Amino acid sequence: MFKGISNLNIDTKGRASMPQRYRNNFCIKKKCKLVITADKDKCLLIYTQNNWNIIEKKLSNLPSYNKEARFIQRLVIGHATESEIDSQGRFLIPNPLREYAGIQKKIILLGQGSKFELWSETIWNKKMKSWLESENIDEAKNNALTELKL
């Protein structure tokens, strides 16, 4: 189960270090691999090989004649890339995926249970601020409506 947030850096070759506490989750028979793909929120998703196999099967079974399903298939399956975790715990984030997510030097690795979200730190901070402001506005509206009903 992946949880928590980590601030990481990418080196000049496009590699990031997987936090030590999670590395063994990606290893099968002494090979440590992960699958990185695009997400509709302009971040990347990182899966273990086993979790990816489940997701890929579900996505492949979606009806290809459905416009929304086809978009998700193209985005998630079409951008999926295997990456190996090296002996120093680093994994390569392919350039097309870095460009898609606006990733440059500083990144956020966010645990989401069976997967990680990988964000550009700049984009993450903007989205987080927007989400929090939206929550505050929604809460204020709900409070005002509750007071009006009393």
N, C-alpha and C. Protein backbone atom coordinates (compact mmCIF):
# COMPACT_ATOMS: atom_id res chain seq x y z
N MET A 1 0.84 -1.17 0.00
CA MET A 1 0.00 0.00 0.00
C MET A 1 0.89 1.25 0.00
N PHE A 2 0.74 2.07 -1.00
CA PHE A 2 1.55 3.28 -1.12
C PHE A 2 0.80 4.46 -0.51
N LYS A 3 1.47 5.16 0.39
CA LYS A 3 0.85 6.32 1.02
C LYS A 3 1.92 7.34 1.34
N GLY A 4 1.49 8.55 1.55
CA GLY A 4 2.42 9.61 1.89
C GLY A 4 2.90 10.39 0.68
N ILE A 5 3.67 11.42 0.97
CA ILE A 5 4.18 12.31 -0.08
C ILE A 5 5.69 12.43 0.07
N SER A 6 6.37 12.42 -1.07
CA SER A 6 7.83 12.57 -1.09
C SER A 6 8.21 13.64 -2.10
N ASN A 7 9.10 14.52 -1.70
CA ASN A 7 9.67 15.51 -2.61
C ASN A 7 10.96 14.93 -3.17
N LEU A 8 11.04 14.83 -4.48
CA LEU A 8 12.20 14.22 -5.13
C LEU A 8 12.76 15.15 -6.19
N ASN A 9 13.95 14.81 -6.66
CA ASN A 9 14.59 15.53 -7.77
C ASN A 9 14.86 14.56 -8.90
N ILE A 10 14.90 15.10 -10.10
CA ILE A 10 15.25 14.31 -11.28
C ILE A 10 16.67 14.70 -11.68
N ASP A 11 17.50 13.71 -12.02
CA ASP A 11 18.85 14.02 -12.47
C ASP A 11 18.84 14.42 -13.95
N THR A 12 20.00 14.74 -14.47
CA THR A 12 20.10 15.23 -15.85
C THR A 12 19.71 14.19 -16.89
N LYS A 13 19.71 12.91 -16.50
CA LYS A 13 19.32 11.83 -17.43
C LYS A 13 17.84 11.49 -17.34
N GLY A 14 17.10 12.20 -16.48
CA GLY A 14 15.66 11.94 -16.35
C GLY A 14 15.32 10.85 -15.37
N ARG A 15 16.22 10.59 -14.42
CA ARG A 15 15.98 9.54 -13.43
C ARG A 15 15.62 10.14 -12.08
N ALA A 16 14.76 9.42 -11.36
CA ALA A 16 14.39 9.78 -10.00
C ALA A 16 14.63 8.57 -9.11
N SER A 17 14.81 8.80 -7.82
CA SER A 17 15.01 7.70 -6.88
C SER A 17 13.70 7.32 -6.22
N MET A 18 13.38 6.04 -6.28
CA MET A 18 12.23 5.52 -5.57
C MET A 18 12.59 5.46 -4.09
N PRO A 19 11.78 6.03 -3.20
CA PRO A 19 12.10 5.94 -1.77
C PRO A 19 12.34 4.49 -1.35
N GLN A 20 13.34 4.31 -0.52
CA GLN A 20 13.78 2.97 -0.09
C GLN A 20 12.63 2.10 0.41
N ARG A 21 11.71 2.68 1.18
CA ARG A 21 10.65 1.89 1.80
C ARG A 21 9.70 1.25 0.79
N TYR A 22 9.73 1.70 -0.48
CA TYR A 22 8.82 1.17 -1.49
C TYR A 22 9.50 0.26 -2.52
N ARG A 23 10.80 0.24 -2.56
CA ARG A 23 11.51 -0.44 -3.64
C ARG A 23 11.16 -1.92 -3.77
N ASN A 24 11.08 -2.62 -2.66
CA ASN A 24 10.81 -4.06 -2.73
C ASN A 24 9.43 -4.37 -3.31
N ASN A 25 8.50 -3.45 -3.23
CA ASN A 25 7.17 -3.66 -3.80
C ASN A 25 7.21 -3.84 -5.31
N PHE A 26 8.27 -3.35 -5.95
CA PHE A 26 8.39 -3.40 -7.40
C PHE A 26 9.23 -4.57 -7.89
N CYS A 27 9.72 -5.40 -6.97
CA CYS A 27 10.64 -6.47 -7.33
C CYS A 27 9.96 -7.83 -7.42
N ILE A 28 10.22 -8.52 -8.52
CA ILE A 28 9.77 -9.89 -8.72
C ILE A 28 10.96 -10.67 -9.27
N LYS A 29 11.34 -11.72 -8.57
CA LYS A 29 12.48 -12.55 -8.99
C LYS A 29 13.72 -11.71 -9.27
N LYS A 30 14.06 -10.87 -8.32
CA LYS A 30 15.26 -10.03 -8.37
C LYS A 30 15.25 -8.97 -9.47
N LYS A 31 14.17 -8.83 -10.19
CA LYS A 31 14.02 -7.76 -11.19
C LYS A 31 13.05 -6.74 -10.61
N CYS A 32 13.47 -5.50 -10.59
CA CYS A 32 12.64 -4.44 -10.03
C CYS A 32 12.15 -3.54 -11.16
N LYS A 33 10.88 -3.69 -11.51
CA LYS A 33 10.30 -2.93 -12.60
C LYS A 33 9.05 -2.21 -12.15
N LEU A 34 8.77 -1.13 -12.86
CA LEU A 34 7.53 -0.40 -12.64
C LEU A 34 6.99 0.03 -13.99
N VAL A 35 5.73 0.41 -14.00
CA VAL A 35 5.10 0.91 -15.21
C VAL A 35 4.68 2.35 -14.93
N ILE A 36 5.10 3.24 -15.84
CA ILE A 36 4.75 4.66 -15.74
C ILE A 36 3.84 4.99 -16.91
N THR A 37 2.80 5.75 -16.63
CA THR A 37 1.90 6.17 -17.71
C THR A 37 1.32 7.54 -17.42
N ALA A 38 0.62 8.07 -18.39
CA ALA A 38 0.00 9.39 -18.27
C ALA A 38 -1.35 9.29 -17.59
N ASP A 39 -1.74 10.36 -16.92
CA ASP A 39 -3.06 10.47 -16.31
C ASP A 39 -3.73 11.73 -16.87
N LYS A 40 -5.04 11.73 -16.88
CA LYS A 40 -5.77 12.86 -17.45
C LYS A 40 -5.56 14.17 -16.68
N ASP A 41 -5.09 14.11 -15.45
CA ASP A 41 -4.86 15.30 -14.64
C ASP A 41 -3.49 15.93 -14.88
N LYS A 42 -2.80 15.53 -15.94
CA LYS A 42 -1.47 16.05 -16.27
C LYS A 42 -0.41 15.66 -15.24
N CYS A 43 -0.61 14.50 -14.64
CA CYS A 43 0.42 13.92 -13.80
C CYS A 43 0.73 12.54 -14.40
N LEU A 44 1.66 11.83 -13.80
CA LEU A 44 1.98 10.48 -14.23
C LEU A 44 1.53 9.51 -13.15
N LEU A 45 1.26 8.29 -13.56
CA LEU A 45 0.90 7.22 -12.63
C LEU A 45 2.00 6.17 -12.66
N ILE A 46 2.34 5.64 -11.50
CA ILE A 46 3.35 4.59 -11.39
C ILE A 46 2.71 3.38 -10.73
N TYR A 47 2.82 2.24 -11.41
CA TYR A 47 2.24 0.99 -10.94
C TYR A 47 3.32 -0.08 -10.79
N THR A 48 3.09 -1.01 -9.86
CA THR A 48 3.89 -2.24 -9.86
C THR A 48 3.45 -3.03 -11.09
N GLN A 49 4.26 -3.97 -11.52
CA GLN A 49 3.90 -4.77 -12.69
C GLN A 49 2.59 -5.52 -12.46
N ASN A 50 2.41 -6.09 -11.27
CA ASN A 50 1.18 -6.83 -10.97
C ASN A 50 -0.05 -5.93 -11.02
N ASN A 51 0.03 -4.75 -10.40
CA ASN A 51 -1.11 -3.83 -10.42
C ASN A 51 -1.38 -3.31 -11.83
N TRP A 52 -0.31 -3.08 -12.59
CA TRP A 52 -0.49 -2.63 -13.97
C TRP A 52 -1.24 -3.67 -14.79
N ASN A 53 -0.90 -4.95 -14.62
CA ASN A 53 -1.57 -6.01 -15.38
C ASN A 53 -3.08 -5.98 -15.15
N ILE A 54 -3.50 -5.72 -13.93
CA ILE A 54 -4.92 -5.63 -13.60
C ILE A 54 -5.56 -4.42 -14.30
N ILE A 55 -4.90 -3.27 -14.20
CA ILE A 55 -5.41 -2.04 -14.82
C ILE A 55 -5.49 -2.18 -16.33
N GLU A 56 -4.43 -2.70 -16.92
CA GLU A 56 -4.38 -2.85 -18.37
C GLU A 56 -5.51 -3.75 -18.87
N LYS A 57 -5.76 -4.82 -18.15
CA LYS A 57 -6.84 -5.74 -18.54
C LYS A 57 -8.19 -5.03 -18.47
N LYS A 58 -8.43 -4.29 -17.38
CA LYS A 58 -9.70 -3.57 -17.24
C LYS A 58 -9.87 -2.54 -18.36
N LEU A 59 -8.81 -1.80 -18.65
CA LEU A 59 -8.88 -0.79 -19.70
C LEU A 59 -9.08 -1.41 -21.08
N SER A 60 -8.42 -2.52 -21.32
CA SER A 60 -8.54 -3.20 -22.61
C SER A 60 -9.95 -3.74 -22.83
N ASN A 61 -10.65 -4.04 -21.75
CA ASN A 61 -12.00 -4.59 -21.86
C ASN A 61 -13.08 -3.51 -22.01
N LEU A 62 -12.69 -2.24 -21.91
CA LEU A 62 -13.67 -1.16 -22.11
C LEU A 62 -14.11 -1.14 -23.58
N PRO A 63 -15.33 -0.73 -23.85
CA PRO A 63 -15.81 -0.71 -25.23
C PRO A 63 -15.07 0.35 -26.06
N SER A 64 -14.41 -0.07 -27.12
CA SER A 64 -13.60 0.85 -27.92
C SER A 64 -14.45 1.82 -28.74
N TYR A 65 -15.75 1.56 -28.86
CA TYR A 65 -16.63 2.47 -29.58
C TYR A 65 -17.12 3.62 -28.71
N ASN A 66 -16.86 3.55 -27.41
CA ASN A 66 -17.23 4.62 -26.48
C ASN A 66 -16.12 5.67 -26.50
N LYS A 67 -16.47 6.91 -26.82
CA LYS A 67 -15.50 7.98 -26.99
C LYS A 67 -14.63 8.20 -25.75
N GLU A 68 -15.24 8.26 -24.57
CA GLU A 68 -14.49 8.49 -23.33
C GLU A 68 -13.58 7.31 -23.00
N ALA A 69 -14.09 6.10 -23.20
CA ALA A 69 -13.29 4.90 -22.93
C ALA A 69 -12.09 4.85 -23.87
N ARG A 70 -12.32 5.18 -25.12
CA ARG A 70 -11.24 5.15 -26.12
C ARG A 70 -10.16 6.18 -25.77
N PHE A 71 -10.59 7.35 -25.30
CA PHE A 71 -9.62 8.37 -24.89
C PHE A 71 -8.74 7.85 -23.75
N ILE A 72 -9.36 7.26 -22.73
CA ILE A 72 -8.62 6.73 -21.59
C ILE A 72 -7.67 5.61 -22.03
N GLN A 73 -8.13 4.73 -22.92
CA GLN A 73 -7.26 3.67 -23.44
C GLN A 73 -6.04 4.26 -24.14
N ARG A 74 -6.29 5.24 -25.00
CA ARG A 74 -5.18 5.87 -25.73
C ARG A 74 -4.20 6.54 -24.77
N LEU A 75 -4.74 7.23 -23.80
CA LEU A 75 -3.90 7.97 -22.87
C LEU A 75 -3.11 7.03 -21.96
N VAL A 76 -3.80 6.14 -21.29
CA VAL A 76 -3.16 5.32 -20.25
C VAL A 76 -2.37 4.15 -20.85
N ILE A 77 -2.99 3.36 -21.71
CA ILE A 77 -2.27 2.23 -22.30
C ILE A 77 -1.24 2.74 -23.32
N GLY A 78 -1.64 3.72 -24.11
CA GLY A 78 -0.76 4.24 -25.15
C GLY A 78 0.52 4.86 -24.64
N HIS A 79 0.49 5.42 -23.45
CA HIS A 79 1.68 6.06 -22.88
C HIS A 79 2.42 5.16 -21.89
N ALA A 80 1.91 3.98 -21.62
CA ALA A 80 2.52 3.10 -20.62
C ALA A 80 3.92 2.67 -21.05
N THR A 81 4.85 2.80 -20.11
CA THR A 81 6.25 2.47 -20.36
C THR A 81 6.81 1.74 -19.15
N GLU A 82 7.49 0.64 -19.41
CA GLU A 82 8.16 -0.07 -18.32
C GLU A 82 9.48 0.61 -18.03
N SER A 83 9.82 0.67 -16.76
CA SER A 83 11.09 1.23 -16.32
C SER A 83 11.65 0.31 -15.25
N GLU A 84 12.95 0.14 -15.25
CA GLU A 84 13.58 -0.72 -14.26
C GLU A 84 14.19 0.14 -13.16
N ILE A 85 14.11 -0.34 -11.94
CA ILE A 85 14.76 0.33 -10.81
C ILE A 85 16.18 -0.22 -10.73
N ASP A 86 17.17 0.66 -10.85
CA ASP A 86 18.56 0.20 -10.86
C ASP A 86 19.07 -0.06 -9.44
N SER A 87 20.32 -0.46 -9.33
CA SER A 87 20.89 -0.83 -8.03
C SER A 87 20.96 0.35 -7.05
N GLN A 88 20.90 1.59 -7.54
CA GLN A 88 20.87 2.76 -6.67
C GLN A 88 19.44 3.21 -6.37
N GLY A 89 18.44 2.45 -6.86
CA GLY A 89 17.05 2.77 -6.58
C GLY A 89 16.45 3.79 -7.53
N ARG A 90 17.16 4.08 -8.63
CA ARG A 90 16.68 5.09 -9.58
C ARG A 90 15.87 4.43 -10.70
N PHE A 91 14.91 5.17 -11.21
CA PHE A 91 14.14 4.72 -12.37
C PHE A 91 14.06 5.86 -13.36
N LEU A 92 14.01 5.51 -14.64
CA LEU A 92 13.97 6.50 -15.70
C LEU A 92 12.54 6.91 -15.99
N ILE A 93 12.32 8.20 -16.08
CA ILE A 93 11.03 8.74 -16.52
C ILE A 93 11.23 9.18 -17.97
N PRO A 94 10.65 8.48 -18.93
CA PRO A 94 10.89 8.80 -20.34
C PRO A 94 10.53 10.26 -20.67
N ASN A 95 11.31 10.83 -21.57
CA ASN A 95 11.13 12.23 -21.93
C ASN A 95 9.71 12.58 -22.38
N PRO A 96 9.04 11.77 -23.24
CA PRO A 96 7.67 12.14 -23.63
C PRO A 96 6.72 12.26 -22.43
N LEU A 97 6.90 11.40 -21.43
CA LEU A 97 6.06 11.48 -20.23
C LEU A 97 6.42 12.69 -19.38
N ARG A 98 7.73 13.00 -19.29
CA ARG A 98 8.13 14.21 -18.54
C ARG A 98 7.55 15.45 -19.20
N GLU A 99 7.59 15.50 -20.51
CA GLU A 99 7.03 16.65 -21.23
C GLU A 99 5.52 16.74 -21.02
N TYR A 100 4.83 15.61 -21.11
CA TYR A 100 3.38 15.59 -20.93
C TYR A 100 2.98 16.18 -19.57
N ALA A 101 3.72 15.79 -18.53
CA ALA A 101 3.37 16.20 -17.16
C ALA A 101 4.07 17.49 -16.74
N GLY A 102 4.82 18.11 -17.63
CA GLY A 102 5.50 19.36 -17.29
C GLY A 102 6.59 19.19 -16.25
N ILE A 103 7.16 18.00 -16.19
CA ILE A 103 8.18 17.68 -15.18
C ILE A 103 9.54 18.16 -15.64
N GLN A 104 10.23 18.88 -14.73
CA GLN A 104 11.57 19.33 -15.04
C GLN A 104 12.55 18.82 -13.99
N LYS A 105 12.71 19.49 -12.89
CA LYS A 105 13.71 19.10 -11.89
C LYS A 105 13.08 18.55 -10.61
N LYS A 106 12.13 19.27 -10.04
CA LYS A 106 11.55 18.89 -8.75
C LYS A 106 10.19 18.21 -8.99
N ILE A 107 10.01 17.10 -8.29
CA ILE A 107 8.77 16.32 -8.46
C ILE A 107 8.19 15.94 -7.10
N ILE A 108 6.92 15.59 -7.15
CA ILE A 108 6.18 15.11 -5.98
C ILE A 108 5.74 13.68 -6.29
N LEU A 109 6.06 12.75 -5.40
CA LEU A 109 5.61 11.37 -5.50
C LEU A 109 4.54 11.20 -4.42
N LEU A 110 3.31 10.93 -4.85
CA LEU A 110 2.18 10.89 -3.94
C LEU A 110 1.57 9.50 -3.91
N GLY A 111 1.63 8.82 -2.75
CA GLY A 111 1.05 7.50 -2.61
C GLY A 111 -0.46 7.53 -2.72
N GLN A 112 -1.01 6.61 -3.50
CA GLN A 112 -2.46 6.54 -3.71
C GLN A 112 -2.95 5.10 -3.58
N GLY A 113 -2.46 4.40 -2.58
CA GLY A 113 -2.90 3.02 -2.37
C GLY A 113 -2.14 2.06 -3.26
N SER A 114 -2.75 1.66 -4.38
CA SER A 114 -2.12 0.67 -5.27
C SER A 114 -1.23 1.30 -6.33
N LYS A 115 -1.08 2.63 -6.31
CA LYS A 115 -0.25 3.30 -7.30
C LYS A 115 0.30 4.59 -6.69
N PHE A 116 1.21 5.21 -7.44
CA PHE A 116 1.71 6.53 -7.10
C PHE A 116 1.26 7.51 -8.17
N GLU A 117 1.05 8.75 -7.77
CA GLU A 117 0.95 9.86 -8.72
C GLU A 117 2.30 10.56 -8.68
N LEU A 118 2.78 10.96 -9.84
CA LEU A 118 4.04 11.68 -9.95
C LEU A 118 3.74 13.02 -10.60
N TRP A 119 4.02 14.10 -9.87
CA TRP A 119 3.67 15.45 -10.30
C TRP A 119 4.90 16.32 -10.44
N SER A 120 4.85 17.27 -11.35
CA SER A 120 5.77 18.39 -11.34
C SER A 120 5.47 19.14 -10.05
N GLU A 121 6.49 19.51 -9.29
CA GLU A 121 6.26 20.22 -8.04
C GLU A 121 5.49 21.53 -8.27
N THR A 122 5.81 22.23 -9.33
CA THR A 122 5.14 23.49 -9.65
C THR A 122 3.66 23.27 -9.92
N ILE A 123 3.35 22.28 -10.76
CA ILE A 123 1.95 21.99 -11.10
C ILE A 123 1.21 21.49 -9.86
N TRP A 124 1.85 20.64 -9.07
CA TRP A 124 1.24 20.13 -7.84
C TRP A 124 0.84 21.28 -6.91
N ASN A 125 1.76 22.21 -6.71
CA ASN A 125 1.48 23.33 -5.81
C ASN A 125 0.31 24.17 -6.31
N LYS A 126 0.25 24.42 -7.61
CA LYS A 126 -0.86 25.19 -8.18
C LYS A 126 -2.18 24.43 -8.03
N LYS A 127 -2.17 23.14 -8.36
CA LYS A 127 -3.40 22.33 -8.25
C LYS A 127 -3.86 22.26 -6.79
N MET A 128 -2.94 22.04 -5.89
CA MET A 128 -3.28 21.92 -4.48
C MET A 128 -3.92 23.21 -3.98
N LYS A 129 -3.33 24.34 -4.35
CA LYS A 129 -3.89 25.65 -3.95
C LYS A 129 -5.30 25.81 -4.51
N SER A 130 -5.48 25.44 -5.77
CA SER A 130 -6.79 25.54 -6.41
C SER A 130 -7.81 24.63 -5.73
N TRP A 131 -7.41 23.40 -5.43
CA TRP A 131 -8.32 22.47 -4.76
C TRP A 131 -8.71 22.98 -3.39
N LEU A 132 -7.75 23.48 -2.65
CA LEU A 132 -8.04 23.99 -1.31
C LEU A 132 -8.95 25.21 -1.36
N GLU A 133 -8.70 26.11 -2.30
CA GLU A 133 -9.57 27.28 -2.45
C GLU A 133 -10.97 26.87 -2.84
N SER A 134 -11.08 25.90 -3.72
CA SER A 134 -12.39 25.39 -4.15
C SER A 134 -13.13 24.77 -2.98
N GLU A 135 -12.42 24.01 -2.17
CA GLU A 135 -13.02 23.40 -0.97
C GLU A 135 -13.51 24.49 -0.01
N ASN A 136 -12.69 25.53 0.18
CA ASN A 136 -13.08 26.61 1.08
C ASN A 136 -14.31 27.34 0.56
N ILE A 137 -14.37 27.56 -0.75
CA ILE A 137 -15.52 28.22 -1.34
C ILE A 137 -16.76 27.35 -1.19
N ASP A 138 -16.62 26.04 -1.49
CA ASP A 138 -17.76 25.13 -1.35
C ASP A 138 -18.24 25.07 0.10
N GLU A 139 -17.29 25.03 1.02
CA GLU A 139 -17.65 24.98 2.45
C GLU A 139 -18.37 26.25 2.86
N ALA A 140 -17.89 27.39 2.39
CA ALA A 140 -18.53 28.67 2.72
C ALA A 140 -19.95 28.72 2.15
N LYS A 141 -20.13 28.23 0.93
CA LYS A 141 -21.47 28.19 0.32
C LYS A 141 -22.39 27.29 1.13
N ASN A 142 -21.88 26.12 1.51
CA ASN A 142 -22.71 25.18 2.30
C ASN A 142 -23.08 25.78 3.65
N ASN A 143 -22.14 26.45 4.28
CA ASN A 143 -22.42 27.10 5.57
C ASN A 143 -23.47 28.19 5.41
N ALA A 144 -23.35 28.98 4.34
CA ALA A 144 -24.32 30.06 4.10
C ALA A 144 -25.71 29.47 3.85
N LEU A 145 -25.79 28.39 3.07
CA LEU A 145 -27.08 27.76 2.81
C LEU A 145 -27.68 27.19 4.08
N THR A 146 -26.85 26.60 4.93
CA THR A 146 -27.33 26.04 6.18
C THR A 146 -27.88 27.15 7.08
N GLU A 147 -27.18 28.27 7.14
CA GLU A 147 -27.65 29.40 7.96
C GLU A 147 -28.96 29.97 7.43
N LEU A 148 -29.11 30.01 6.10
CA LEU A 148 -30.34 30.54 5.52
C LEU A 148 -31.54 29.65 5.84
N LYS A 149 -31.32 28.37 5.95
CA LYS A 149 -32.43 27.44 6.23
C LYS A 149 -32.87 27.52 7.68
N LEU A 150 -32.00 28.02 8.55
CA LEU A 150 -32.35 28.11 9.97
C LEU A 150 -33.20 29.26 10.21
